[in-house]
Each structure stands twice: as structure tokens, then as C-alpha cells.
Amino acid sequence: MNNEWQDLPTMQDVARAQYEGWEIKAMNMALTEWFSWDGRAWNVNAKFRGRPRQPAKITVTSECWRNIITAALAYTSTGKGMIAPWQRFPAGDITGEVEE
């Protein structure tokens, strides 16, 4: 997915991006930081930029468990636990981002 910001120099560009559900930011000429545009006002002296809406992501951890008989590894959601012959193997935990 394209996450590069694109300049939206005209009202028509902003309207198209809004219609397509883009994430839009604005910067008033008096400010030096971009802020999320609420979609209600147009200011000819402001700068606008947009990009296709990015999927929301969350960080998750999969807990690693080791079978003490076969040495096979298995993963569960955090806090789910497993019973014998499985023992917790924290060194094998995997943490990463997934789409919400």
C-alpha cells in the first residue's frame, strides 16, 4: 500500500481525496506542523496533503511453548497457557504488528 504523502494543491484535489476516504492533513501558513484535517473547512492559505488511508495496526505477542517429549514448538495468544507435556519457552516468543 502506498503510504507516501501527496500534495493536494487545489480544493478539487482535497475534495477527491476526501471522497476516496484518504487521510488528509493540513498546515496553516502560520504553523510549522501538519495536523489532521477535520473535513469541514477550506483555507486558500493553507497547505494540504493526503495519502490513501492506512490500515490500523496493533502489536501482538505469540507465546512459545515447547513439548518436553518431542521438542515441538507451539504458539498461543498471550496468557492462554497449555498443559503438560508443554512448558513455557519465553525465548521463542514472537512479537509483531498485525492489521486490526
PDB file of N, CA and C in Angstrom:
ATOM      1  N   MET A   1       0.844  -1.178   0.000  1.00  0.00           N
ATOM      2  CA  MET A   1       0.000   0.000   0.000  1.00  0.00           C
ATOM      3  C   MET A   1       0.888   1.240   0.000  1.00  0.00           C
ATOM      4  N   ASN A   2       0.488   2.223  -0.745  1.00  0.00           N
ATOM      5  CA  ASN A   2       1.245   3.460  -0.837  1.00  0.00           C
ATOM      6  C   ASN A   2       1.026   4.296   0.426  1.00  0.00           C
ATOM      7  N   ASN A   3       2.126   4.626   1.117  1.00  0.00           N
ATOM      8  CA  ASN A   3       1.988   5.448   2.310  1.00  0.00           C
ATOM      9  C   ASN A   3       2.682   6.802   2.152  1.00  0.00           C
ATOM     10  N   GLU A   4       3.036   7.150   0.923  1.00  0.00           N
ATOM     11  CA  GLU A   4       3.673   8.430   0.651  1.00  0.00           C
ATOM     12  C   GLU A   4       2.630   9.543   0.619  1.00  0.00           C
ATOM     13  N   TRP A   5       2.933  10.645   1.280  1.00  0.00           N
ATOM     14  CA  TRP A   5       2.032  11.807   1.262  1.00  0.00           C
ATOM     15  C   TRP A   5       2.122  12.494  -0.087  1.00  0.00           C
ATOM     16  N   GLN A   6       0.979  12.915  -0.613  1.00  0.00           N
ATOM     17  CA  GLN A   6       0.911  13.643  -1.879  1.00  0.00           C
ATOM     18  C   GLN A   6       0.357  15.032  -1.613  1.00  0.00           C
ATOM     19  N   ASP A   7       0.958  16.041  -2.236  1.00  0.00           N
ATOM     20  CA  ASP A   7       0.426  17.396  -2.119  1.00  0.00           C
ATOM     21  C   ASP A   7      -0.961  17.456  -2.753  1.00  0.00           C
ATOM     22  N   LEU A   8      -1.858  18.198  -2.110  1.00  0.00           N
ATOM     23  CA  LEU A   8      -3.209  18.423  -2.629  1.00  0.00           C
ATOM     24  C   LEU A   8      -3.361  19.937  -2.792  1.00  0.00           C
ATOM     25  N   PRO A   9      -2.895  20.485  -3.914  1.00  0.00           N
ATOM     26  CA  PRO A   9      -2.802  21.935  -4.061  1.00  0.00           C
ATOM     27  C   PRO A   9      -4.123  22.659  -4.316  1.00  0.00           C
ATOM     28  N   THR A  10      -5.150  21.951  -4.785  1.00  0.00           N
ATOM     29  CA  THR A  10      -6.405  22.640  -5.091  1.00  0.00           C
ATOM     30  C   THR A  10      -7.554  22.076  -4.261  1.00  0.00           C
ATOM     31  N   MET A  11      -8.625  22.837  -4.178  1.00  0.00           N
ATOM     32  CA  MET A  11      -9.816  22.384  -3.471  1.00  0.00           C
ATOM     33  C   MET A  11     -10.358  21.104  -4.110  1.00  0.00           C
ATOM     34  N   GLN A  12     -10.270  21.004  -5.427  1.00  0.00           N
ATOM     35  CA  GLN A  12     -10.744  19.812  -6.127  1.00  0.00           C
ATOM     36  C   GLN A  12      -9.910  18.577  -5.727  1.00  0.00           C
ATOM     37  N   ASP A  13      -8.598  18.755  -5.577  1.00  0.00           N
ATOM     38  CA  ASP A  13      -7.737  17.651  -5.155  1.00  0.00           C
ATOM     39  C   ASP A  13      -8.105  17.183  -3.748  1.00  0.00           C
ATOM     40  N   VAL A  14      -8.345  18.143  -2.865  1.00  0.00           N
ATOM     41  CA  VAL A  14      -8.733  17.811  -1.485  1.00  0.00           C
ATOM     42  C   VAL A  14     -10.089  17.096  -1.487  1.00  0.00           C
ATOM     43  N   ALA A  15     -11.041  17.604  -2.274  1.00  0.00           N
ATOM     44  CA  ALA A  15     -12.379  17.006  -2.334  1.00  0.00           C
ATOM     45  C   ALA A  15     -12.313  15.575  -2.872  1.00  0.00           C
ATOM     46  N   ARG A  16     -11.507  15.348  -3.904  1.00  0.00           N
ATOM     47  CA  ARG A  16     -11.346  13.998  -4.465  1.00  0.00           C
ATOM     48  C   ARG A  16     -10.764  13.061  -3.415  1.00  0.00           C
ATOM     49  N   ALA A  17      -9.718  13.512  -2.733  1.00  0.00           N
ATOM     50  CA  ALA A  17      -9.080  12.683  -1.709  1.00  0.00           C
ATOM     51  C   ALA A  17     -10.054  12.379  -0.574  1.00  0.00           C
ATOM     52  N   GLN A  18     -10.846  13.369  -0.180  1.00  0.00           N
ATOM     53  CA  GLN A  18     -11.822  13.154   0.877  1.00  0.00           C
ATOM     54  C   GLN A  18     -12.879  12.142   0.425  1.00  0.00           C
ATOM     55  N   TYR A  19     -13.351  12.279  -0.796  1.00  0.00           N
ATOM     56  CA  TYR A  19     -14.348  11.361  -1.354  1.00  0.00           C
ATOM     57  C   TYR A  19     -13.825   9.925  -1.375  1.00  0.00           C
ATOM     58  N   GLU A  20     -12.534   9.768  -1.680  1.00  0.00           N
ATOM     59  CA  GLU A  20     -11.922   8.450  -1.763  1.00  0.00           C
ATOM     60  C   GLU A  20     -11.509   7.898  -0.396  1.00  0.00           C
ATOM     61  N   GLY A  21     -11.785   8.657   0.675  1.00  0.00           N
ATOM     62  CA  GLY A  21     -11.512   8.180   2.023  1.00  0.00           C
ATOM     63  C   GLY A  21     -10.070   8.316   2.464  1.00  0.00           C
ATOM     64  N   TRP A  22      -9.328   9.204   1.824  1.00  0.00           N
ATOM     65  CA  TRP A  22      -7.924   9.386   2.166  1.00  0.00           C
ATOM     66  C   TRP A  22      -7.765  10.024   3.541  1.00  0.00           C
ATOM     67  N   GLU A  23      -6.610   9.816   4.112  1.00  0.00           N
ATOM     68  CA  GLU A  23      -6.178  10.532   5.311  1.00  0.00           C
ATOM     69  C   GLU A  23      -5.646  11.882   4.816  1.00  0.00           C
ATOM     70  N   ILE A  24      -6.164  12.979   5.366  1.00  0.00           N
ATOM     71  CA  ILE A  24      -5.770  14.317   4.891  1.00  0.00           C
ATOM     72  C   ILE A  24      -5.230  15.132   6.056  1.00  0.00           C
ATOM     73  N   LYS A  25      -4.133  15.818   5.812  1.00  0.00           N
ATOM     74  CA  LYS A  25      -3.543  16.718   6.806  1.00  0.00           C
ATOM     75  C   LYS A  25      -3.458  18.113   6.208  1.00  0.00           C
ATOM     76  N   ALA A  26      -3.481  19.101   7.082  1.00  0.00           N
ATOM     77  CA  ALA A  26      -3.397  20.498   6.661  1.00  0.00           C
ATOM     78  C   ALA A  26      -2.336  21.203   7.490  1.00  0.00           C
ATOM     79  N   MET A  27      -1.830  22.310   6.942  1.00  0.00           N
ATOM     80  CA  MET A  27      -0.894  23.156   7.668  1.00  0.00           C
ATOM     81  C   MET A  27      -1.243  24.600   7.361  1.00  0.00           C
ATOM     82  N   ASN A  28      -1.597  25.330   8.388  1.00  0.00           N
ATOM     83  CA  ASN A  28      -1.845  26.771   8.247  1.00  0.00           C
ATOM     84  C   ASN A  28      -0.499  27.439   8.021  1.00  0.00           C
ATOM     85  N   MET A  29      -0.459  28.468   7.209  1.00  0.00           N
ATOM     86  CA  MET A  29       0.811  29.138   6.886  1.00  0.00           C
ATOM     87  C   MET A  29       1.506  29.671   8.141  1.00  0.00           C
ATOM     88  N   ALA A  30       0.750  29.953   9.221  1.00  0.00           N
ATOM     89  CA  ALA A  30       1.348  30.473  10.444  1.00  0.00           C
ATOM     90  C   ALA A  30       1.959  29.357  11.296  1.00  0.00           C
ATOM     91  N   LEU A  31       1.618  28.102  10.999  1.00  0.00           N
ATOM     92  CA  LEU A  31       2.114  26.978  11.780  1.00  0.00           C
ATOM     93  C   LEU A  31       3.216  26.244  11.033  1.00  0.00           C
ATOM     94  N   THR A  32       3.935  25.410  11.748  1.00  0.00           N
ATOM     95  CA  THR A  32       5.010  24.649  11.107  1.00  0.00           C
ATOM     96  C   THR A  32       4.789  23.140  11.218  1.00  0.00           C
ATOM     97  N   GLU A  33       3.626  22.726  11.738  1.00  0.00           N
ATOM     98  CA  GLU A  33       3.348  21.302  11.888  1.00  0.00           C
ATOM     99  C   GLU A  33       2.050  20.931  11.179  1.00  0.00           C
ATOM    100  N   TRP A  34       2.027  19.733  10.633  1.00  0.00           N
ATOM    101  CA  TRP A  34       0.827  19.211   9.994  1.00  0.00           C
ATOM    102  C   TRP A  34      -0.143  18.736  11.073  1.00  0.00           C
ATOM    103  N   PHE A  35      -1.440  18.910  10.836  1.00  0.00           N
ATOM    104  CA  PHE A  35      -2.468  18.413  11.738  1.00  0.00           C
ATOM    105  C   PHE A  35      -3.547  17.730  10.917  1.00  0.00           C
ATOM    106  N   SER A  36      -4.259  16.802  11.537  1.00  0.00           N
ATOM    107  CA  SER A  36      -5.327  16.084  10.839  1.00  0.00           C
ATOM    108  C   SER A  36      -6.444  17.050  10.490  1.00  0.00           C
ATOM    109  N   TRP A  37      -6.853  17.032   9.227  1.00  0.00           N
ATOM    110  CA  TRP A  37      -7.911  17.914   8.741  1.00  0.00           C
ATOM    111  C   TRP A  37      -9.250  17.305   9.101  1.00  0.00           C
ATOM    112  N   ASP A  38     -10.145  18.113   9.664  1.00  0.00           N
ATOM    113  CA  ASP A  38     -11.443  17.589  10.100  1.00  0.00           C
ATOM    114  C   ASP A  38     -12.473  17.530   8.975  1.00  0.00           C
ATOM    115  N   GLY A  39     -12.139  18.010   7.804  1.00  0.00           N
ATOM    116  CA  GLY A  39     -13.024  17.902   6.652  1.00  0.00           C
ATOM    117  C   GLY A  39     -14.111  18.958   6.575  1.00  0.00           C
ATOM    118  N   ARG A  40     -14.054  19.976   7.438  1.00  0.00           N
ATOM    119  CA  ARG A  40     -15.137  20.951   7.461  1.00  0.00           C
ATOM    120  C   ARG A  40     -14.751  22.324   6.917  1.00  0.00           C
ATOM    121  N   ALA A  41     -13.483  22.608   6.766  1.00  0.00           N
ATOM    122  CA  ALA A  41     -13.100  23.965   6.360  1.00  0.00           C
ATOM    123  C   ALA A  41     -12.033  23.931   5.268  1.00  0.00           C
ATOM    124  N   TRP A  42     -12.121  24.906   4.398  1.00  0.00           N
ATOM    125  CA  TRP A  42     -11.119  25.093   3.352  1.00  0.00           C
ATOM    126  C   TRP A  42     -10.495  26.459   3.553  1.00  0.00           C
ATOM    127  N   ASN A  43      -9.192  26.522   3.497  1.00  0.00           N
ATOM    128  CA  ASN A  43      -8.477  27.783   3.641  1.00  0.00           C
ATOM    129  C   ASN A  43      -7.495  27.878   2.491  1.00  0.00           C
ATOM    130  N   VAL A  44      -7.693  28.869   1.650  1.00  0.00           N
ATOM    131  CA  VAL A  44      -6.839  29.016   0.475  1.00  0.00           C
ATOM    132  C   VAL A  44      -5.376  29.255   0.868  1.00  0.00           C
ATOM    133  N   ASN A  45      -5.136  29.732   2.089  1.00  0.00           N
ATOM    134  CA  ASN A  45      -3.766  29.995   2.538  1.00  0.00           C
ATOM    135  C   ASN A  45      -3.140  28.799   3.254  1.00  0.00           C
ATOM    136  N   ALA A  46      -3.855  27.705   3.342  1.00  0.00           N
ATOM    137  CA  ALA A  46      -3.313  26.509   3.991  1.00  0.00           C
ATOM    138  C   ALA A  46      -2.758  25.552   2.945  1.00  0.00           C
ATOM    139  N   LYS A  47      -1.869  24.691   3.403  1.00  0.00           N
ATOM    140  CA  LYS A  47      -1.349  23.616   2.553  1.00  0.00           C
ATOM    141  C   LYS A  47      -2.071  22.341   2.959  1.00  0.00           C
ATOM    142  N   PHE A  48      -2.333  21.493   1.993  1.00  0.00           N
ATOM    143  CA  PHE A  48      -2.981  20.205   2.253  1.00  0.00           C
ATOM    144  C   PHE A  48      -2.152  19.094   1.630  1.00  0.00           C
ATOM    145  N   ARG A  49      -2.186  17.953   2.285  1.00  0.00           N
ATOM    146  CA  ARG A  49      -1.549  16.758   1.731  1.00  0.00           C
ATOM    147  C   ARG A  49      -2.396  15.564   2.117  1.00  0.00           C
ATOM    148  N   GLY A  50      -2.266  14.468   1.369  1.00  0.00           N
ATOM    149  CA  GLY A  50      -3.070  13.292   1.653  1.00  0.00           C
ATOM    150  C   GLY A  50      -2.389  12.021   1.208  1.00  0.00           C
ATOM    151  N   ARG A  51      -2.935  10.919   1.687  1.00  0.00           N
ATOM    152  CA  ARG A  51      -2.475   9.589   1.271  1.00  0.00           C
ATOM    153  C   ARG A  51      -3.623   8.624   1.484  1.00  0.00           C
ATOM    154  N   PRO A  52      -3.628   7.523   0.762  1.00  0.00           N
ATOM    155  CA  PRO A  52      -4.676   6.530   0.992  1.00  0.00           C
ATOM    156  C   PRO A  52      -4.653   6.112   2.465  1.00  0.00           C
ATOM    157  N   ARG A  53      -5.839   5.912   3.033  1.00  0.00           N
ATOM    158  CA  ARG A  53      -5.934   5.563   4.455  1.00  0.00           C
ATOM    159  C   ARG A  53      -5.141   4.290   4.723  1.00  0.00           C
ATOM    160  N   GLN A  54      -4.347   4.333   5.774  1.00  0.00           N
ATOM    161  CA  GLN A  54      -3.512   3.209   6.163  1.00  0.00           C
ATOM    162  C   GLN A  54      -4.294   2.281   7.090  1.00  0.00           C
ATOM    163  N   PRO A  55      -4.094   0.980   6.944  1.00  0.00           N
ATOM    164  CA  PRO A  55      -4.791   0.060   7.841  1.00  0.00           C
ATOM    165  C   PRO A  55      -4.296   0.246   9.273  1.00  0.00           C
ATOM    166  N   ALA A  56      -5.216   0.184  10.224  1.00  0.00           N
ATOM    167  CA  ALA A  56      -4.840   0.291  11.630  1.00  0.00           C
ATOM    168  C   ALA A  56      -4.081  -0.975  12.017  1.00  0.00           C
ATOM    169  N   LYS A  57      -3.020  -0.806  12.797  1.00  0.00           N
ATOM    170  CA  LYS A  57      -2.208  -1.944  13.209  1.00  0.00           C
ATOM    171  C   LYS A  57      -2.102  -1.980  14.726  1.00  0.00           C
ATOM    172  N   ILE A  58      -1.983  -3.186  15.241  1.00  0.00           N
ATOM    173  CA  ILE A  58      -1.751  -3.376  16.660  1.00  0.00           C
ATOM    174  C   ILE A  58      -0.556  -4.311  16.831  1.00  0.00           C
ATOM    175  N   THR A  59       0.095  -4.228  17.987  1.00  0.00           N
ATOM    176  CA  THR A  59       1.215  -5.109  18.289  1.00  0.00           C
ATOM    177  C   THR A  59       0.706  -6.279  19.116  1.00  0.00           C
ATOM    178  N   VAL A  60       1.059  -7.483  18.700  1.00  0.00           N
ATOM    179  CA  VAL A  60       0.645  -8.693  19.411  1.00  0.00           C
ATOM    180  C   VAL A  60       1.869  -9.550  19.720  1.00  0.00           C
ATOM    181  N   THR A  61       1.742 -10.366  20.752  1.00  0.00           N
ATOM    182  CA  THR A  61       2.800 -11.313  21.103  1.00  0.00           C
ATOM    183  C   THR A  61       2.218 -12.713  21.105  1.00  0.00           C
ATOM    184  N   SER A  62       2.895 -13.617  20.432  1.00  0.00           N
ATOM    185  CA  SER A  62       2.531 -15.039  20.473  1.00  0.00           C
ATOM    186  C   SER A  62       3.498 -15.722  21.433  1.00  0.00           C
ATOM    187  N   GLU A  63       2.946 -16.373  22.470  1.00  0.00           N
ATOM    188  CA  GLU A  63       3.784 -17.064  23.447  1.00  0.00           C
ATOM    189  C   GLU A  63       4.212 -18.418  22.890  1.00  0.00           C
ATOM    190  N   CYS A  64       5.453 -18.746  23.116  1.00  0.00           N
ATOM    191  CA  CYS A  64       6.009 -20.008  22.624  1.00  0.00           C
ATOM    192  C   CYS A  64       5.979 -21.058  23.736  1.00  0.00           C
ATOM    193  N   TRP A  65       5.564 -22.259  23.355  1.00  0.00           N
ATOM    194  CA  TRP A  65       5.535 -23.397  24.267  1.00  0.00           C
ATOM    195  C   TRP A  65       6.296 -24.545  23.620  1.00  0.00           C
ATOM    196  N   ARG A  66       7.064 -25.291  24.440  1.00  0.00           N
ATOM    197  CA  ARG A  66       7.890 -26.391  23.950  1.00  0.00           C
ATOM    198  C   ARG A  66       7.391 -27.700  24.550  1.00  0.00           C
ATOM    199  N   ASN A  67       7.206 -28.687  23.678  1.00  0.00           N
ATOM    200  CA  ASN A  67       6.813 -30.013  24.141  1.00  0.00           C
ATOM    201  C   ASN A  67       8.054 -30.704  24.704  1.00  0.00           C
ATOM    202  N   ILE A  68       8.007 -31.100  25.994  1.00  0.00           N
ATOM    203  CA  ILE A  68       9.207 -31.662  26.629  1.00  0.00           C
ATOM    204  C   ILE A  68       9.531 -33.079  26.135  1.00  0.00           C
ATOM    205  N   ILE A  69       8.598 -33.700  25.434  1.00  0.00           N
ATOM    206  CA  ILE A  69       8.844 -35.045  24.907  1.00  0.00           C
ATOM    207  C   ILE A  69       9.387 -34.987  23.484  1.00  0.00           C
ATOM    208  N   THR A  70       8.737 -34.214  22.611  1.00  0.00           N
ATOM    209  CA  THR A  70       9.102 -34.192  21.183  1.00  0.00           C
ATOM    210  C   THR A  70       9.925 -32.979  20.780  1.00  0.00           C
ATOM    211  N   ALA A  71      10.024 -31.972  21.652  1.00  0.00           N
ATOM    212  CA  ALA A  71      10.724 -30.711  21.379  1.00  0.00           C
ATOM    213  C   ALA A  71      10.013 -29.862  20.327  1.00  0.00           C
ATOM    214  N   ALA A  72       8.773 -30.240  19.981  1.00  0.00           N
ATOM    215  CA  ALA A  72       7.987 -29.435  19.035  1.00  0.00           C
ATOM    216  C   ALA A  72       7.617 -28.109  19.707  1.00  0.00           C
ATOM    217  N   LEU A  73       7.507 -27.073  18.904  1.00  0.00           N
ATOM    218  CA  LEU A  73       7.110 -25.770  19.410  1.00  0.00           C
ATOM    219  C   LEU A  73       5.680 -25.472  18.992  1.00  0.00           C
ATOM    220  N   ALA A  74       4.962 -24.774  19.845  1.00  0.00           N
ATOM    221  CA  ALA A  74       3.598 -24.336  19.551  1.00  0.00           C
ATOM    222  C   ALA A  74       3.437 -22.924  20.085  1.00  0.00           C
ATOM    223  N   TYR A  75       2.518 -22.171  19.484  1.00  0.00           N
ATOM    224  CA  TYR A  75       2.307 -20.782  19.881  1.00  0.00           C
ATOM    225  C   TYR A  75       0.858 -20.566  20.292  1.00  0.00           C
ATOM    226  N   THR A  76       0.669 -19.723  21.312  1.00  0.00           N
ATOM    227  CA  THR A  76      -0.671 -19.367  21.765  1.00  0.00           C
ATOM    228  C   THR A  76      -0.745 -17.860  21.946  1.00  0.00           C
ATOM    229  N   SER A  77      -1.967 -17.388  22.095  1.00  0.00           N
ATOM    230  CA  SER A  77      -2.154 -15.987  22.446  1.00  0.00           C
ATOM    231  C   SER A  77      -1.613 -15.771  23.852  1.00  0.00           C
ATOM    232  N   THR A  78      -1.192 -14.551  24.136  1.00  0.00           N
ATOM    233  CA  THR A  78      -0.648 -14.231  25.444  1.00  0.00           C
ATOM    234  C   THR A  78      -1.632 -14.606  26.545  1.00  0.00           C
ATOM    235  N   GLY A  79      -1.135 -15.334  27.558  1.00  0.00           N
ATOM    236  CA  GLY A  79      -1.933 -15.688  28.722  1.00  0.00           C
ATOM    237  C   GLY A  79      -2.833 -16.898  28.563  1.00  0.00           C
ATOM    238  N   LYS A  80      -2.804 -17.576  27.419  1.00  0.00           N
ATOM    239  CA  LYS A  80      -3.697 -18.725  27.208  1.00  0.00           C
ATOM    240  C   LYS A  80      -3.193 -19.987  27.908  1.00  0.00           C
ATOM    241  N   GLY A  81      -1.889 -20.193  27.952  1.00  0.00           N
ATOM    242  CA  GLY A  81      -1.326 -21.347  28.642  1.00  0.00           C
ATOM    243  C   GLY A  81      -1.600 -22.670  27.953  1.00  0.00           C
ATOM    244  N   MET A  82      -0.835 -23.680  28.346  1.00  0.00           N
ATOM    245  CA  MET A  82      -1.007 -25.048  27.844  1.00  0.00           C
ATOM    246  C   MET A  82      -0.702 -26.001  28.996  1.00  0.00           C
ATOM    247  N   ILE A  83      -1.161 -27.252  28.892  1.00  0.00           N
ATOM    248  CA  ILE A  83      -0.929 -28.234  29.952  1.00  0.00           C
ATOM    249  C   ILE A  83       0.177 -29.190  29.525  1.00  0.00           C
ATOM    250  N   ALA A  84       0.648 -29.989  30.495  1.00  0.00           N
ATOM    251  CA  ALA A  84       1.737 -30.932  30.245  1.00  0.00           C
ATOM    252  C   ALA A  84       1.404 -31.785  29.026  1.00  0.00           C
ATOM    253  N   PRO A  85       2.333 -32.143  28.201  1.00  0.00           N
ATOM    254  CA  PRO A  85       3.767 -32.043  28.401  1.00  0.00           C
ATOM    255  C   PRO A  85       4.387 -30.743  27.873  1.00  0.00           C
ATOM    256  N   TRP A  86       3.611 -29.679  27.799  1.00  0.00           N
ATOM    257  CA  TRP A  86       4.117 -28.415  27.269  1.00  0.00           C
ATOM    258  C   TRP A  86       4.668 -27.561  28.394  1.00  0.00           C
ATOM    259  N   GLN A  87       5.806 -26.914  28.114  1.00  0.00           N
ATOM    260  CA  GLN A  87       6.369 -25.986  29.077  1.00  0.00           C
ATOM    261  C   GLN A  87       6.630 -24.653  28.374  1.00  0.00           C
ATOM    262  N   ARG A  88       6.487 -23.601  29.107  1.00  0.00           N
ATOM    263  CA  ARG A  88       6.663 -22.246  28.572  1.00  0.00           C
ATOM    264  C   ARG A  88       8.096 -22.069  28.107  1.00  0.00           C
ATOM    265  N   PHE A  89       8.284 -21.477  26.920  1.00  0.00           N
ATOM    266  CA  PHE A  89       9.606 -21.228  26.342  1.00  0.00           C
ATOM    267  C   PHE A  89       9.668 -19.769  25.889  1.00  0.00           C
ATOM    268  N   PRO A  90       9.881 -18.816  26.853  1.00  0.00           N
ATOM    269  CA  PRO A  90       9.817 -17.381  26.550  1.00  0.00           C
ATOM    270  C   PRO A  90      10.817 -16.914  25.479  1.00  0.00           C
ATOM    271  N   ALA A  91      11.937 -17.575  25.340  1.00  0.00           N
ATOM    272  CA  ALA A  91      12.941 -17.177  24.350  1.00  0.00           C
ATOM    273  C   ALA A  91      12.383 -17.283  22.918  1.00  0.00           C
ATOM    274  N   GLY A  92      11.352 -18.097  22.742  1.00  0.00           N
ATOM    275  CA  GLY A  92      10.777 -18.291  21.412  1.00  0.00           C
ATOM    276  C   GLY A  92       9.595 -17.394  21.111  1.00  0.00           C
ATOM    277  N   ASP A  93       9.225 -16.527  22.051  1.00  0.00           N
ATOM    278  CA  ASP A  93       8.083 -15.622  21.816  1.00  0.00           C
ATOM    279  C   ASP A  93       8.301 -14.770  20.561  1.00  0.00           C
ATOM    280  N   ILE A  94       7.227 -14.480  19.875  1.00  0.00           N
ATOM    281  CA  ILE A  94       7.282 -13.643  18.673  1.00  0.00           C
ATOM    282  C   ILE A  94       6.355 -12.436  18.879  1.00  0.00           C
ATOM    283  N   THR A  95       6.896 -11.247  18.668  1.00  0.00           N
ATOM    284  CA  THR A  95       6.110 -10.018  18.760  1.00  0.00           C
ATOM    285  C   THR A  95       6.134  -9.341  17.398  1.00  0.00           C
ATOM    286  N   GLY A  96       4.975  -8.888  16.948  1.00  0.00           N
ATOM    287  CA  GLY A  96       4.917  -8.214  15.657  1.00  0.00           C
ATOM    288  C   GLY A  96       3.625  -7.443  15.508  1.00  0.00           C
ATOM    289  N   GLU A  97       3.519  -6.698  14.406  1.00  0.00           N
ATOM    290  CA  GLU A  97       2.332  -5.901  14.122  1.00  0.00           C
ATOM    291  C   GLU A  97       1.405  -6.644  13.164  1.00  0.00           C
ATOM    292  N   VAL A  98       0.115  -6.541  13.422  1.00  0.00           N
ATOM    293  CA  VAL A  98      -0.907  -7.108  12.535  1.00  0.00           C
ATOM    294  C   VAL A  98      -1.970  -6.060  12.296  1.00  0.00           C
ATOM    295  N   GLU A  99      -2.705  -6.200  11.195  1.00  0.00           N
ATOM    296  CA  GLU A  99      -3.802  -5.285  10.948  1.00  0.00           C
ATOM    297  C   GLU A  99      -4.910  -5.530  11.944  1.00  0.00           C
ATOM    298  N   GLU A 100      -5.501  -4.443  12.411  1.00  0.00           N
ATOM    299  CA  GLU A 100      -6.557  -4.524  13.414  1.00  0.00           C
ATOM    300  C   GLU A 100      -7.823  -5.082  12.834  1.00  0.00           C
TER     301      GLU A 100
END
